[in-house]
Amino acid sequence: MMLRGASADSLGELEQSLPSTGTLAESGTMGEELFAAAGVLRAEPALRRAATDSSVDAEARAGLAGQVFGSFGSHAQQVLVAAVQHRWTASRDLPAALDHLAVVAMVRSVGADGDRLGDELFAVVRLLEENPELRSALSDRSRTAADRAALLTGILGDRVLPATARLVEQAVAAGGSVERVLGDYQQVAASSQQELLAVVRTAHELGAHDLGRLSAALGKQYGSTVHLHVVVDPELVGGLRIEIGDDRIDGTISSRIDDARRRLVG
């Protein structure tokens, strides 16, 4: 969910002040508890409205958060108390913001493996794009969210980081398009590491040297570290198609052929 106005400002402030935990495991625990708090607030509309009612004194809202989530660890409680004291454009924006902060905490929980986590999330998205039957099974509401998540994590097995598996479970539980949610998680992961993501589609595998040159060139153009996700698509014939943020850079031979064909027809 794209937050706007006061909600976007509140999320930005909360992310800037997200507590630094003593260990990676504590970051993971904080992420789990923030996901749990978001779930409670979604399931309890009256609680959500009370926690975001700006006509109620901020200290009173903080006290409410302390009562409801008092069994959580100190880091998650700190985030929750601060969150309810902020202003929210709509009450539903609070759990959405907590989900975002939970993802940031989960990314922090893997330490130096942040890029690996992003790569694994991208690989899961590709898996779903290439397997429509699996996508259909994950959207089957006759199954519980836990069953659907187990279907996907069972395929992944122990080949991915525990944090990746947990985010996949959360994406399935979120409802809607699992690919879209995982795509959002990738963006959060990259942003938390001060990186931009670029999806590079190429007709042939690129060597490490070429990938390094491309990443460096994009980094210079965009003024940021750029992490590449590469998709090999033989139908492109040659060249590259790059998606970075809202930009599309199409230098593929197939697109030139299509452009020439349109000109001939026109």
Protein backbone atom coordinates (compact mmCIF):
# COMPACT_ATOMS: atom_id res chain seq x y z
CA MET A 1 0.00 0.00 0.00
CA MET A 2 1.30 3.45 -0.94
CA LEU A 3 0.89 5.76 2.05
CA ARG A 4 0.21 9.44 1.49
CA GLY A 5 0.06 12.68 3.42
CA ALA A 6 0.43 12.44 7.17
CA SER A 7 0.73 8.64 7.01
CA ALA A 8 3.73 8.81 4.66
CA ASP A 9 5.39 11.39 6.92
CA SER A 10 4.74 9.26 10.00
CA LEU A 11 6.16 6.14 8.37
CA GLY A 12 9.27 8.03 7.29
CA GLU A 13 9.89 9.27 10.83
CA LEU A 14 9.30 5.83 12.33
CA GLU A 15 11.67 4.16 9.89
CA GLN A 16 14.36 6.73 10.63
CA SER A 17 14.05 6.04 14.35
CA LEU A 18 13.62 2.25 14.14
CA PRO A 19 15.51 0.85 17.15
CA SER A 20 18.92 -0.70 16.63
CA THR A 21 18.85 -4.10 18.29
CA GLY A 22 21.76 -5.76 20.00
CA THR A 23 21.75 -8.88 17.82
CA LEU A 24 20.47 -10.02 14.43
CA ALA A 25 18.15 -12.44 16.22
CA GLU A 26 16.58 -9.54 18.12
CA SER A 27 15.92 -7.76 14.82
CA GLY A 28 14.12 -10.88 13.62
CA THR A 29 12.05 -11.00 16.80
CA MET A 30 11.12 -7.35 16.42
CA GLY A 31 10.03 -8.03 12.83
CA GLU A 32 7.88 -10.99 13.90
CA GLU A 33 6.21 -8.95 16.64
CA LEU A 34 5.51 -6.00 14.35
CA PHE A 35 3.90 -8.36 11.83
CA ALA A 36 1.82 -9.80 14.68
CA ALA A 37 0.77 -6.33 15.88
CA ALA A 38 -0.29 -5.38 12.34
CA GLY A 39 -2.40 -8.53 12.20
CA VAL A 40 -4.11 -7.71 15.48
CA LEU A 41 -4.90 -4.17 14.37
CA ARG A 42 -6.37 -5.40 11.08
CA ALA A 43 -8.54 -7.95 12.85
CA GLU A 44 -9.79 -5.47 15.49
CA PRO A 45 -11.25 -2.35 13.80
CA ALA A 46 -12.31 -0.79 17.11
CA LEU A 47 -8.78 -1.10 18.50
CA ARG A 48 -7.32 0.27 15.28
CA ARG A 49 -9.61 3.30 15.36
CA ALA A 50 -8.82 3.97 19.01
CA ALA A 51 -5.09 3.72 18.34
CA THR A 52 -5.25 6.25 15.50
CA ASP A 53 -7.90 8.68 16.83
CA SER A 54 -6.16 12.06 16.84
CA SER A 55 -8.86 13.50 19.12
CA VAL A 56 -7.56 11.21 21.88
CA ASP A 57 -4.50 12.36 23.82
CA ALA A 58 -1.29 10.86 22.43
CA GLU A 59 -0.22 9.62 25.85
CA ALA A 60 -3.51 7.81 26.24
CA ARG A 61 -2.99 6.09 22.89
CA ALA A 62 0.52 5.14 23.97
CA GLY A 63 -0.91 3.66 27.16
CA LEU A 64 -3.37 1.62 25.12
CA ALA A 65 -0.55 0.23 22.96
CA GLY A 66 1.40 -0.65 26.10
CA GLN A 67 -1.56 -2.56 27.51
CA VAL A 68 -2.39 -4.48 24.35
CA PHE A 69 1.16 -5.31 23.33
CA GLY A 70 2.79 -5.46 26.75
CA SER A 71 3.97 -9.03 26.22
CA PHE A 72 6.13 -8.00 23.26
CA GLY A 73 9.83 -7.30 23.48
CA SER A 74 11.09 -3.83 24.36
CA HIS A 75 12.12 -2.97 20.79
CA ALA A 76 8.72 -3.75 19.28
CA GLN A 77 6.95 -1.98 22.14
CA GLN A 78 9.06 1.10 21.51
CA VAL A 79 8.00 1.14 17.86
CA LEU A 80 4.33 0.54 18.65
CA VAL A 81 4.13 3.23 21.33
CA ALA A 82 5.76 5.72 18.96
CA ALA A 83 3.52 4.63 16.05
CA VAL A 84 0.22 5.25 17.82
CA GLN A 85 1.38 8.73 18.84
CA HIS A 86 1.84 9.71 15.20
CA ARG A 87 -0.89 10.98 12.88
CA TRP A 88 -2.45 8.67 10.29
CA THR A 89 -4.54 9.70 7.29
CA ALA A 90 -6.65 6.56 7.65
CA SER A 91 -6.72 3.99 10.44
CA ARG A 92 -5.80 1.18 8.01
CA ASP A 93 -2.50 2.95 7.32
CA LEU A 94 -1.16 2.05 10.77
CA PRO A 95 -1.00 -1.74 10.20
CA ALA A 96 0.35 -1.12 6.69
CA ALA A 97 3.16 0.97 8.18
CA LEU A 98 3.90 -1.71 10.78
CA ASP A 99 4.16 -4.30 8.00
CA HIS A 100 6.71 -2.08 6.26
CA LEU A 101 8.74 -1.65 9.46
CA ALA A 102 8.55 -5.41 10.07
CA VAL A 103 10.10 -6.06 6.65
CA VAL A 104 12.90 -3.59 7.41
CA ALA A 105 13.55 -5.40 10.70
CA MET A 106 13.59 -8.79 8.93
CA VAL A 107 16.10 -7.44 6.39
CA ARG A 108 18.30 -6.22 9.23
CA SER A 109 18.08 -9.68 10.81
CA VAL A 110 20.16 -11.19 7.99
CA GLY A 111 23.02 -8.72 8.37
CA ALA A 112 25.46 -8.90 5.46
CA ASP A 113 23.14 -11.29 3.58
CA GLY A 114 20.74 -8.49 2.63
CA ASP A 115 21.47 -8.82 -1.10
CA ARG A 116 21.02 -12.59 -0.88
CA LEU A 117 17.60 -12.10 0.72
CA GLY A 118 16.57 -9.76 -2.11
CA ASP A 119 17.83 -12.22 -4.72
CA GLU A 120 15.87 -15.04 -3.10
CA LEU A 121 12.66 -13.00 -3.04
CA PHE A 122 13.16 -12.21 -6.72
CA ALA A 123 13.71 -15.90 -7.46
CA VAL A 124 10.41 -16.74 -5.77
CA VAL A 125 8.62 -14.13 -7.88
CA ARG A 126 10.15 -15.68 -11.01
CA LEU A 127 9.06 -19.13 -9.81
CA LEU A 128 5.47 -17.92 -9.52
CA GLU A 129 5.54 -16.13 -12.88
CA GLU A 130 6.69 -19.32 -14.58
CA ASN A 131 4.22 -21.65 -12.80
CA PRO A 132 0.58 -20.57 -13.25
CA GLU A 133 -0.69 -23.71 -11.52
CA LEU A 134 1.28 -22.80 -8.39
CA ARG A 135 -0.09 -19.24 -8.54
CA SER A 136 -3.59 -20.64 -8.81
CA ALA A 137 -3.05 -22.90 -5.79
CA LEU A 138 -1.79 -19.96 -3.74
CA SER A 139 -4.94 -17.98 -4.56
CA ASP A 140 -7.26 -20.86 -3.59
CA ARG A 141 -9.27 -19.44 -0.67
CA SER A 142 -10.66 -22.88 0.16
CA ARG A 143 -7.23 -23.49 1.72
CA THR A 144 -6.07 -21.74 4.85
CA ALA A 145 -3.29 -19.17 4.59
CA ALA A 146 -1.05 -21.50 6.56
CA ASP A 147 -1.65 -24.35 4.08
CA ARG A 148 -0.96 -22.10 1.11
CA ALA A 149 2.22 -20.73 2.69
CA ALA A 150 3.39 -24.25 3.54
CA LEU A 151 2.91 -25.24 -0.11
CA LEU A 152 5.35 -22.57 -1.25
CA THR A 153 7.87 -22.82 1.58
CA GLY A 154 7.86 -26.60 1.13
CA ILE A 155 9.07 -26.09 -2.45
CA LEU A 156 11.79 -23.71 -1.28
CA GLY A 157 12.92 -26.07 1.49
CA ASP A 158 16.13 -25.11 3.27
CA ARG A 159 17.66 -23.50 0.19
CA VAL A 160 16.66 -20.01 1.32
CA LEU A 161 17.37 -17.92 4.39
CA PRO A 162 14.88 -18.32 7.27
CA ALA A 163 14.02 -14.63 6.87
CA THR A 164 13.20 -15.21 3.20
CA ALA A 165 10.89 -18.09 4.09
CA ARG A 166 9.20 -15.94 6.73
CA LEU A 167 8.61 -13.09 4.29
CA VAL A 168 7.20 -15.54 1.76
CA GLU A 169 4.77 -16.82 4.41
CA GLN A 170 3.76 -13.25 5.21
CA ALA A 171 3.24 -12.42 1.53
CA VAL A 172 0.88 -15.38 1.14
CA ALA A 173 -1.02 -14.41 4.29
CA ALA A 174 -1.37 -10.81 3.08
CA GLY A 175 -3.84 -11.86 0.39
CA GLY A 176 -3.94 -10.58 -3.16
CA SER A 177 -1.00 -11.04 -5.51
CA VAL A 178 1.91 -12.79 -3.79
CA GLU A 179 4.22 -11.57 -6.57
CA ARG A 180 3.22 -7.95 -5.96
CA VAL A 181 3.75 -8.22 -2.20
CA LEU A 182 7.13 -9.89 -2.65
CA GLY A 183 8.04 -7.17 -5.15
CA ASP A 184 7.22 -4.57 -2.51
CA TYR A 185 9.38 -6.47 -0.01
CA GLN A 186 12.28 -6.42 -2.48
CA GLN A 187 11.99 -2.66 -2.77
CA VAL A 188 11.94 -2.25 1.02
CA ALA A 189 15.00 -4.51 1.31
CA ALA A 190 16.90 -2.51 -1.31
CA SER A 191 15.90 0.83 0.18
CA SER A 192 16.97 -0.23 3.67
CA GLN A 193 20.42 -0.92 2.21
CA GLN A 194 20.50 2.37 0.27
CA GLU A 195 20.30 0.54 -3.05
CA LEU A 196 18.20 0.74 -6.20
CA LEU A 197 16.91 -2.40 -7.91
CA ALA A 198 17.25 -2.95 -11.63
CA VAL A 199 15.64 -5.87 -13.47
CA VAL A 200 17.77 -6.66 -16.50
CA ARG A 201 16.28 -8.83 -19.24
CA THR A 202 18.81 -10.26 -21.67
CA ALA A 203 18.80 -12.85 -24.44
CA HIS A 204 21.99 -14.46 -23.12
CA GLU A 205 23.73 -14.94 -19.80
CA LEU A 206 25.96 -12.01 -18.82
CA GLY A 207 29.39 -12.60 -17.35
CA ALA A 208 30.53 -11.11 -14.05
CA HIS A 209 32.59 -8.46 -15.85
CA ASP A 210 29.64 -7.28 -17.95
CA LEU A 211 27.34 -7.26 -14.92
CA GLY A 212 29.86 -5.20 -12.98
CA ARG A 213 30.18 -2.67 -15.80
CA LEU A 214 26.40 -2.41 -16.16
CA SER A 215 25.87 -1.96 -12.41
CA ALA A 216 28.58 0.71 -12.29
CA ALA A 217 27.13 2.57 -15.30
CA LEU A 218 23.63 2.57 -13.83
CA GLY A 219 24.98 3.58 -10.44
CA LYS A 220 26.72 6.57 -12.00
CA GLN A 221 23.58 7.55 -13.91
CA TYR A 222 21.27 7.28 -10.90
CA GLY A 223 23.70 8.38 -8.20
CA SER A 224 23.18 5.26 -6.12
CA THR A 225 24.36 1.69 -5.70
CA VAL A 226 22.34 -0.47 -8.11
CA HIS A 227 21.67 -4.15 -7.47
CA LEU A 228 20.86 -6.20 -10.56
CA HIS A 229 18.30 -8.95 -10.97
CA VAL A 230 18.90 -10.70 -14.27
CA VAL A 231 16.29 -12.56 -16.34
CA VAL A 232 17.43 -14.52 -19.41
CA ASP A 233 14.80 -14.29 -22.16
CA PRO A 234 15.91 -15.77 -25.52
CA GLU A 235 12.94 -14.12 -27.29
CA LEU A 236 14.74 -10.78 -26.98
CA VAL A 237 17.28 -12.05 -29.58
CA GLY A 238 19.94 -9.62 -28.34
CA GLY A 239 20.48 -6.44 -26.36
CA LEU A 240 19.11 -5.52 -22.96
CA ARG A 241 15.83 -4.34 -21.46
CA ILE A 242 16.28 -2.63 -18.10
CA GLU A 243 13.61 -1.67 -15.57
CA ILE A 244 14.75 0.57 -12.73
CA GLY A 245 12.16 2.38 -10.67
CA ASP A 246 9.66 3.90 -13.09
CA ASP A 247 12.21 3.99 -15.93
CA ARG A 248 12.31 1.55 -18.83
CA ILE A 249 15.41 1.32 -21.03
CA ASP A 250 14.79 -0.90 -24.05
CA GLY A 251 17.81 -1.66 -26.22
CA THR A 252 16.74 -5.10 -27.39
CA ILE A 253 16.88 -6.31 -30.97
CA SER A 254 13.32 -7.61 -30.73
CA SER A 255 12.02 -4.13 -29.90
CA ARG A 256 13.90 -2.67 -32.88
CA ILE A 257 12.40 -5.31 -35.15
CA ASP A 258 8.92 -4.53 -33.80
CA ASP A 259 9.52 -0.82 -34.30
CA ALA A 260 10.66 -1.38 -37.89
CA ARG A 261 7.64 -3.58 -38.56
CA ARG A 262 5.28 -0.87 -37.27
CA ARG A 263 6.92 1.70 -39.50
CA LEU A 264 6.53 -0.52 -42.56
CA VAL A 265 2.87 -1.16 -41.80
CA GLY A 266 2.28 2.54 -41.15
